[in-house]
């Protein structure tokens, strides 16, 4: 009986240490991302003030890439945490059922029932997080498509700037028309921040 209680207590301590490690890692990564994002926002503001269209587009793309990387990091951390909790919940269910149906175990069955119930609760929470992860993946795909469109426009601007002056003006007008058309036909998506 005491061995089972010790296993459960050590398991809980292990989970707490694991969760604290994940939280510390996430906080450090978020601080680095926040610092880099502030630098990119300052560069973008400077480029806008100087009316430097090439640097505005470049800074904007770097900022979008940073938001995308941040969302991807959040998704990975959430997925790993959810996977760990789901695994531990499944193990708790198995241990609880083993204790309930074990012929050798004649102790208090309340521990077995609580272990099984705790495992079921962990599985339910994991199911909710996996559902949320699916929605995050959908948003990441949308952000990736927006990122790709932005990179295409940045490449078009770079190529157009290398054209002769008469062709450059025509191509830049086409790019501006495309951007204006996109703004009026699409609903903007806001990147998530930590």
C-alpha atoms as a PDB file:
ATOM      1  CA  UNK A   1       0.000   0.000   0.000  1.00  0.00           C
ATOM      2  CA  UNK A   2       2.757   2.452   0.915  1.00  0.00           C
ATOM      3  CA  UNK A   3       4.660   1.544  -2.260  1.00  0.00           C
ATOM      4  CA  UNK A   4       1.707   2.571  -4.394  1.00  0.00           C
ATOM      5  CA  UNK A   5       1.297   5.861  -2.542  1.00  0.00           C
ATOM      6  CA  UNK A   6       5.040   6.514  -2.953  1.00  0.00           C
ATOM      7  CA  UNK A   7       4.816   5.817  -6.697  1.00  0.00           C
ATOM      8  CA  UNK A   8       1.887   8.229  -7.032  1.00  0.00           C
ATOM      9  CA  UNK A   9       3.678  10.930  -5.011  1.00  0.00           C
ATOM     10  CA  UNK A  10       6.906  10.540  -7.020  1.00  0.00           C
ATOM     11  CA  UNK A  11       4.874  10.637 -10.220  1.00  0.00           C
ATOM     12  CA  UNK A  12       3.223  13.902  -9.167  1.00  0.00           C
ATOM     13  CA  UNK A  13       6.609  15.380  -8.210  1.00  0.00           C
ATOM     14  CA  UNK A  14       7.995  14.318 -11.601  1.00  0.00           C
ATOM     15  CA  UNK A  15       5.070  15.961 -13.394  1.00  0.00           C
ATOM     16  CA  UNK A  16       5.569  19.172 -11.429  1.00  0.00           C
ATOM     17  CA  UNK A  17       9.293  19.250 -12.261  1.00  0.00           C
ATOM     18  CA  UNK A  18       8.534  18.574 -15.935  1.00  0.00           C
ATOM     19  CA  UNK A  19       5.903  21.308 -16.092  1.00  0.00           C
ATOM     20  CA  UNK A  20       8.196  23.809 -14.356  1.00  0.00           C
ATOM     21  CA  UNK A  21      10.980  22.960 -16.839  1.00  0.00           C
ATOM     22  CA  UNK A  22       8.639  23.535 -19.790  1.00  0.00           C
ATOM     23  CA  UNK A  23       7.441  26.829 -18.301  1.00  0.00           C
ATOM     24  CA  UNK A  24      11.002  28.088 -17.717  1.00  0.00           C
ATOM     25  CA  UNK A  25      12.017  27.137 -21.262  1.00  0.00           C
ATOM     26  CA  UNK A  26       8.941  28.867 -22.693  1.00  0.00           C
ATOM     27  CA  UNK A  27       9.556  32.036 -20.674  1.00  0.00           C
ATOM     28  CA  UNK A  28      13.168  32.260 -21.830  1.00  0.00           C
ATOM     29  CA  UNK A  29      12.209  31.701 -25.452  1.00  0.00           C
ATOM     30  CA  UNK A  30       9.372  34.240 -25.188  1.00  0.00           C
ATOM     31  CA  UNK A  31      11.736  36.886 -23.766  1.00  0.00           C
ATOM     32  CA  UNK A  32      14.155  36.388 -26.649  1.00  0.00           C
ATOM     33  CA  UNK A  33      11.313  36.601 -29.167  1.00  0.00           C
ATOM     34  CA  UNK A  34       9.889  39.712 -27.502  1.00  0.00           C
ATOM     35  CA  UNK A  35      13.285  41.452 -27.605  1.00  0.00           C
ATOM     36  CA  UNK A  36      13.804  40.579 -31.277  1.00  0.00           C
ATOM     37  CA  UNK A  37      10.238  41.639 -32.102  1.00  0.00           C
ATOM     38  CA  UNK A  38      10.799  45.047 -30.460  1.00  0.00           C
ATOM     39  CA  UNK A  39      13.949  45.535 -32.541  1.00  0.00           C
ATOM     40  CA  UNK A  40      12.058  44.639 -35.712  1.00  0.00           C
ATOM     41  CA  UNK A  41       9.206  46.993 -34.801  1.00  0.00           C
ATOM     42  CA  UNK A  42      11.726  49.805 -34.232  1.00  0.00           C
ATOM     43  CA  UNK A  43      13.326  49.097 -37.635  1.00  0.00           C
ATOM     44  CA  UNK A  44       9.893  49.136 -39.265  1.00  0.00           C
ATOM     45  CA  UNK A  45       9.018  52.462 -37.624  1.00  0.00           C
ATOM     46  CA  UNK A  46      12.310  53.968 -38.781  1.00  0.00           C
ATOM     47  CA  UNK A  47      11.783  52.720 -42.329  1.00  0.00           C
ATOM     48  CA  UNK A  48       8.252  54.166 -42.399  1.00  0.00           C
ATOM     49  CA  UNK A  49       9.473  57.532 -41.095  1.00  0.00           C
ATOM     50  CA  UNK A  50      12.198  57.611 -43.763  1.00  0.00           C
ATOM     51  CA  UNK A  51       9.713  56.583 -46.502  1.00  0.00           C
ATOM     52  CA  UNK A  52      11.984  53.674 -47.429  1.00  0.00           C
ATOM     53  CA  UNK A  53       9.561  51.291 -49.138  1.00  0.00           C
ATOM     54  CA  UNK A  54      12.077  48.495 -49.600  1.00  0.00           C
ATOM     55  CA  UNK A  55      13.020  48.458 -45.898  1.00  0.00           C
ATOM     56  CA  UNK A  56       9.355  48.784 -44.893  1.00  0.00           C
ATOM     57  CA  UNK A  57       8.540  45.634 -46.848  1.00  0.00           C
ATOM     58  CA  UNK A  58      11.634  43.844 -45.557  1.00  0.00           C
ATOM     59  CA  UNK A  59      11.044  44.831 -41.924  1.00  0.00           C
ATOM     60  CA  UNK A  60       7.396  43.920 -42.206  1.00  0.00           C
ATOM     61  CA  UNK A  61       8.287  40.473 -43.529  1.00  0.00           C
ATOM     62  CA  UNK A  62      10.825  39.905 -40.757  1.00  0.00           C
ATOM     63  CA  UNK A  63       8.169  40.846 -38.205  1.00  0.00           C
ATOM     64  CA  UNK A  64       5.664  38.442 -39.756  1.00  0.00           C
ATOM     65  CA  UNK A  65       8.297  35.687 -39.739  1.00  0.00           C
ATOM     66  CA  UNK A  66       8.969  36.370 -36.040  1.00  0.00           C
ATOM     67  CA  UNK A  67       5.233  36.124 -35.242  1.00  0.00           C
ATOM     68  CA  UNK A  68       5.051  32.876 -37.209  1.00  0.00           C
ATOM     69  CA  UNK A  69       8.055  31.434 -35.338  1.00  0.00           C
ATOM     70  CA  UNK A  70       6.490  32.471 -32.040  1.00  0.00           C
ATOM     71  CA  UNK A  71       3.195  30.771 -32.895  1.00  0.00           C
ATOM     72  CA  UNK A  72       5.057  27.652 -33.983  1.00  0.00           C
ATOM     73  CA  UNK A  73       7.000  27.577 -30.699  1.00  0.00           C
ATOM     74  CA  UNK A  74       3.787  27.952 -28.701  1.00  0.00           C
ATOM     75  CA  UNK A  75       2.185  25.142 -30.671  1.00  0.00           C
ATOM     76  CA  UNK A  76       5.141  22.809 -30.128  1.00  0.00           C
ATOM     77  CA  UNK A  77       5.267  23.490 -26.389  1.00  0.00           C
ATOM     78  CA  UNK A  78       1.527  22.996 -26.001  1.00  0.00           C
ATOM     79  CA  UNK A  79       1.594  19.806 -28.047  1.00  0.00           C
ATOM     80  CA  UNK A  80       4.507  18.331 -26.078  1.00  0.00           C
ATOM     81  CA  UNK A  81       2.877  19.241 -22.749  1.00  0.00           C
ATOM     82  CA  UNK A  82      -0.426  17.750 -23.851  1.00  0.00           C
ATOM     83  CA  UNK A  83       1.255  14.579 -25.049  1.00  0.00           C
ATOM     84  CA  UNK A  84       3.026  14.182 -21.700  1.00  0.00           C
ATOM     85  CA  UNK A  85      -0.187  14.743 -19.744  1.00  0.00           C
ATOM     86  CA  UNK A  86      -2.101  12.324 -21.973  1.00  0.00           C
ATOM     87  CA  UNK A  87       0.574   9.662 -21.481  1.00  0.00           C
ATOM     88  CA  UNK A  88       0.620  10.137 -17.723  1.00  0.00           C
ATOM     89  CA  UNK A  89      -3.169  10.044 -17.608  1.00  0.00           C
ATOM     90  CA  UNK A  90      -3.195   6.772 -19.531  1.00  0.00           C
ATOM     91  CA  UNK A  91      -0.594   5.305 -17.178  1.00  0.00           C
ATOM     92  CA  UNK A  92      -2.652   6.431 -14.168  1.00  0.00           C
ATOM     93  CA  UNK A  93      -5.728   4.721 -15.614  1.00  0.00           C
ATOM     94  CA  UNK A  94      -3.779   1.500 -16.151  1.00  0.00           C
ATOM     95  CA  UNK A  95      -2.304   1.597 -12.630  1.00  0.00           C
ATOM     96  CA  UNK A  96      -5.721   2.295 -11.127  1.00  0.00           C
ATOM     97  CA  UNK A  97      -7.361  -0.539 -13.060  1.00  0.00           C
ATOM     98  CA  UNK A  98      -4.495  -2.844 -12.144  1.00  0.00           C
ATOM     99  CA  UNK A  99      -5.034  -2.011  -8.483  1.00  0.00           C
ATOM    100  CA  UNK A 100      -8.799  -2.468  -8.741  1.00  0.00           C
ATOM    101  CA  UNK A 101      -8.611  -5.883 -10.385  1.00  0.00           C
ATOM    102  CA  UNK A 102      -5.451  -7.143  -8.694  1.00  0.00           C
ATOM    103  CA  UNK A 103      -5.991 -10.242  -6.574  1.00  0.00           C
ATOM    104  CA  UNK A 104      -2.879  -9.506  -4.523  1.00  0.00           C
ATOM    105  CA  UNK A 105      -3.960  -5.991  -3.588  1.00  0.00           C
ATOM    106  CA  UNK A 106      -6.312  -6.161  -0.619  1.00  0.00           C
ATOM    107  CA  UNK A 107      -5.801  -2.628   0.698  1.00  0.00           C
ATOM    108  CA  UNK A 108      -8.097   0.352   0.540  1.00  0.00           C
ATOM    109  CA  UNK A 109      -9.659   0.541  -2.907  1.00  0.00           C
ATOM    110  CA  UNK A 110     -10.156   4.328  -2.644  1.00  0.00           C
ATOM    111  CA  UNK A 111      -6.576   4.902  -3.832  1.00  0.00           C
ATOM    112  CA  UNK A 112      -7.234   2.726  -6.868  1.00  0.00           C
ATOM    113  CA  UNK A 113     -10.448   4.603  -7.662  1.00  0.00           C
ATOM    114  CA  UNK A 114      -8.799   8.010  -7.195  1.00  0.00           C
ATOM    115  CA  UNK A 115      -5.868   7.014  -9.409  1.00  0.00           C
ATOM    116  CA  UNK A 116      -8.221   5.872 -12.165  1.00  0.00           C
ATOM    117  CA  UNK A 117     -10.355   9.024 -11.810  1.00  0.00           C
ATOM    118  CA  UNK A 118      -7.249  11.229 -11.938  1.00  0.00           C
ATOM    119  CA  UNK A 119      -6.168   9.479 -15.121  1.00  0.00           C
ATOM    120  CA  UNK A 120      -9.591  10.007 -16.686  1.00  0.00           C
ATOM    121  CA  UNK A 121      -9.520  13.706 -15.805  1.00  0.00           C
ATOM    122  CA  UNK A 122      -6.041  14.032 -17.350  1.00  0.00           C
ATOM    123  CA  UNK A 123      -7.305  12.332 -20.520  1.00  0.00           C
ATOM    124  CA  UNK A 124     -10.292  14.699 -20.748  1.00  0.00           C
ATOM    125  CA  UNK A 125      -8.039  17.736 -20.344  1.00  0.00           C
ATOM    126  CA  UNK A 126      -5.676  16.317 -22.962  1.00  0.00           C
ATOM    127  CA  UNK A 127      -8.557  15.861 -25.392  1.00  0.00           C
ATOM    128  CA  UNK A 128      -9.483  19.537 -24.970  1.00  0.00           C
ATOM    129  CA  UNK A 129      -5.888  20.604 -25.576  1.00  0.00           C
ATOM    130  CA  UNK A 130      -5.578  18.390 -28.655  1.00  0.00           C
ATOM    131  CA  UNK A 131      -8.723  20.074 -30.009  1.00  0.00           C
ATOM    132  CA  UNK A 132      -7.149  23.454 -29.355  1.00  0.00           C
ATOM    133  CA  UNK A 133      -3.929  22.299 -31.047  1.00  0.00           C
ATOM    134  CA  UNK A 134      -5.916  21.420 -34.158  1.00  0.00           C
ATOM    135  CA  UNK A 135      -7.269  24.983 -34.274  1.00  0.00           C
ATOM    136  CA  UNK A 136      -3.769  26.397 -33.752  1.00  0.00           C
ATOM    137  CA  UNK A 137      -2.479  24.277 -36.652  1.00  0.00           C
ATOM    138  CA  UNK A 138      -5.212  25.692 -38.863  1.00  0.00           C
ATOM    139  CA  UNK A 139      -4.153  29.215 -37.896  1.00  0.00           C
ATOM    140  CA  UNK A 140      -0.486  28.371 -38.484  1.00  0.00           C
ATOM    141  CA  UNK A 141      -1.342  27.169 -42.001  1.00  0.00           C
ATOM    142  CA  UNK A 142      -3.178  30.441 -42.672  1.00  0.00           C
ATOM    143  CA  UNK A 143      -0.238  32.442 -41.295  1.00  0.00           C
ATOM    144  CA  UNK A 144       2.134  30.435 -43.483  1.00  0.00           C
ATOM    145  CA  UNK A 145       0.060  31.266 -46.560  1.00  0.00           C
ATOM    146  CA  UNK A 146       0.110  34.962 -45.597  1.00  0.00           C
ATOM    147  CA  UNK A 147       3.847  34.725 -45.088  1.00  0.00           C
ATOM    148  CA  UNK A 148       4.290  33.188 -48.521  1.00  0.00           C
ATOM    149  CA  UNK A 149       2.197  35.951 -50.138  1.00  0.00           C
ATOM    150  CA  UNK A 150       4.308  38.564 -48.364  1.00  0.00           C
ATOM    151  CA  UNK A 151       7.536  36.957 -49.517  1.00  0.00           C
ATOM    152  CA  UNK A 152       6.211  36.908 -53.080  1.00  0.00           C
ATOM    153  CA  UNK A 153       5.462  40.633 -52.904  1.00  0.00           C
ATOM    154  CA  UNK A 154       8.859  41.392 -51.370  1.00  0.00           C
ATOM    155  CA  UNK A 155      10.519  39.469 -54.210  1.00  0.00           C
ATOM    156  CA  UNK A 156       8.380  41.296 -56.778  1.00  0.00           C
ATOM    157  CA  UNK A 157       9.411  44.668 -55.314  1.00  0.00           C
ATOM    158  CA  UNK A 158      13.086  43.690 -55.335  1.00  0.00           C
ATOM    159  CA  UNK A 159      12.878  42.519 -58.943  1.00  0.00           C
ATOM    160  CA  UNK A 160      10.926  45.581 -60.038  1.00  0.00           C
ATOM    161  CA  UNK A 161      13.498  47.946 -58.509  1.00  0.00           C
ATOM    162  CA  UNK A 162      16.178  46.446 -60.763  1.00  0.00           C
ATOM    163  CA  UNK A 163      14.216  47.170 -63.953  1.00  0.00           C
ATOM    164  CA  UNK A 164      14.789  50.191 -66.195  1.00  0.00           C
ATOM    165  CA  UNK A 165      13.011  53.306 -64.878  1.00  0.00           C
ATOM    166  CA  UNK A 166      10.050  53.220 -67.323  1.00  0.00           C
ATOM    167  CA  UNK A 167       9.352  49.505 -66.672  1.00  0.00           C
ATOM    168  CA  UNK A 168       9.983  49.954 -62.954  1.00  0.00           C
ATOM    169  CA  UNK A 169       7.161  52.494 -62.592  1.00  0.00           C
ATOM    170  CA  UNK A 170       4.717  50.252 -64.469  1.00  0.00           C
ATOM    171  CA  UNK A 171       5.581  47.180 -62.397  1.00  0.00           C
ATOM    172  CA  UNK A 172       5.508  49.107 -59.105  1.00  0.00           C
ATOM    173  CA  UNK A 173       2.043  50.389 -60.005  1.00  0.00           C
ATOM    174  CA  UNK A 174       0.921  46.788 -60.625  1.00  0.00           C
ATOM    175  CA  UNK A 175       2.302  45.736 -57.245  1.00  0.00           C
ATOM    176  CA  UNK A 176       0.553  48.634 -55.515  1.00  0.00           C
ATOM    177  CA  UNK A 177      -2.717  47.783 -57.274  1.00  0.00           C
ATOM    178  CA  UNK A 178      -2.343  44.145 -56.182  1.00  0.00           C
ATOM    179  CA  UNK A 179      -1.727  45.193 -52.582  1.00  0.00           C
ATOM    180  CA  UNK A 180      -4.679  47.570 -52.569  1.00  0.00           C
ATOM    181  CA  UNK A 181      -6.904  44.919 -54.110  1.00  0.00           C
ATOM    182  CA  UNK A 182      -5.792  42.383 -51.479  1.00  0.00           C
ATOM    183  CA  UNK A 183      -6.497  44.831 -48.648  1.00  0.00           C
ATOM    184  CA  UNK A 184     -10.042  45.480 -49.857  1.00  0.00           C
ATOM    185  CA  UNK A 185     -10.945  41.822 -50.553  1.00  0.00           C
ATOM    186  CA  UNK A 186      -9.341  39.971 -47.612  1.00  0.00           C
ATOM    187  CA  UNK A 187     -10.023  40.210 -43.934  1.00  0.00           C
ATOM    188  CA  UNK A 188      -6.792  40.832 -42.063  1.00  0.00           C
ATOM    189  CA  UNK A 189      -5.534  38.213 -39.613  1.00  0.00           C
ATOM    190  CA  UNK A 190      -3.890  39.369 -36.431  1.00  0.00           C
ATOM    191  CA  UNK A 191      -0.822  37.419 -35.292  1.00  0.00           C
ATOM    192  CA  UNK A 192      -0.979  36.026 -31.753  1.00  0.00           C
ATOM    193  CA  UNK A 193       1.448  37.350 -29.214  1.00  0.00           C
ATOM    194  CA  UNK A 194       2.765  35.941 -26.005  1.00  0.00           C
END
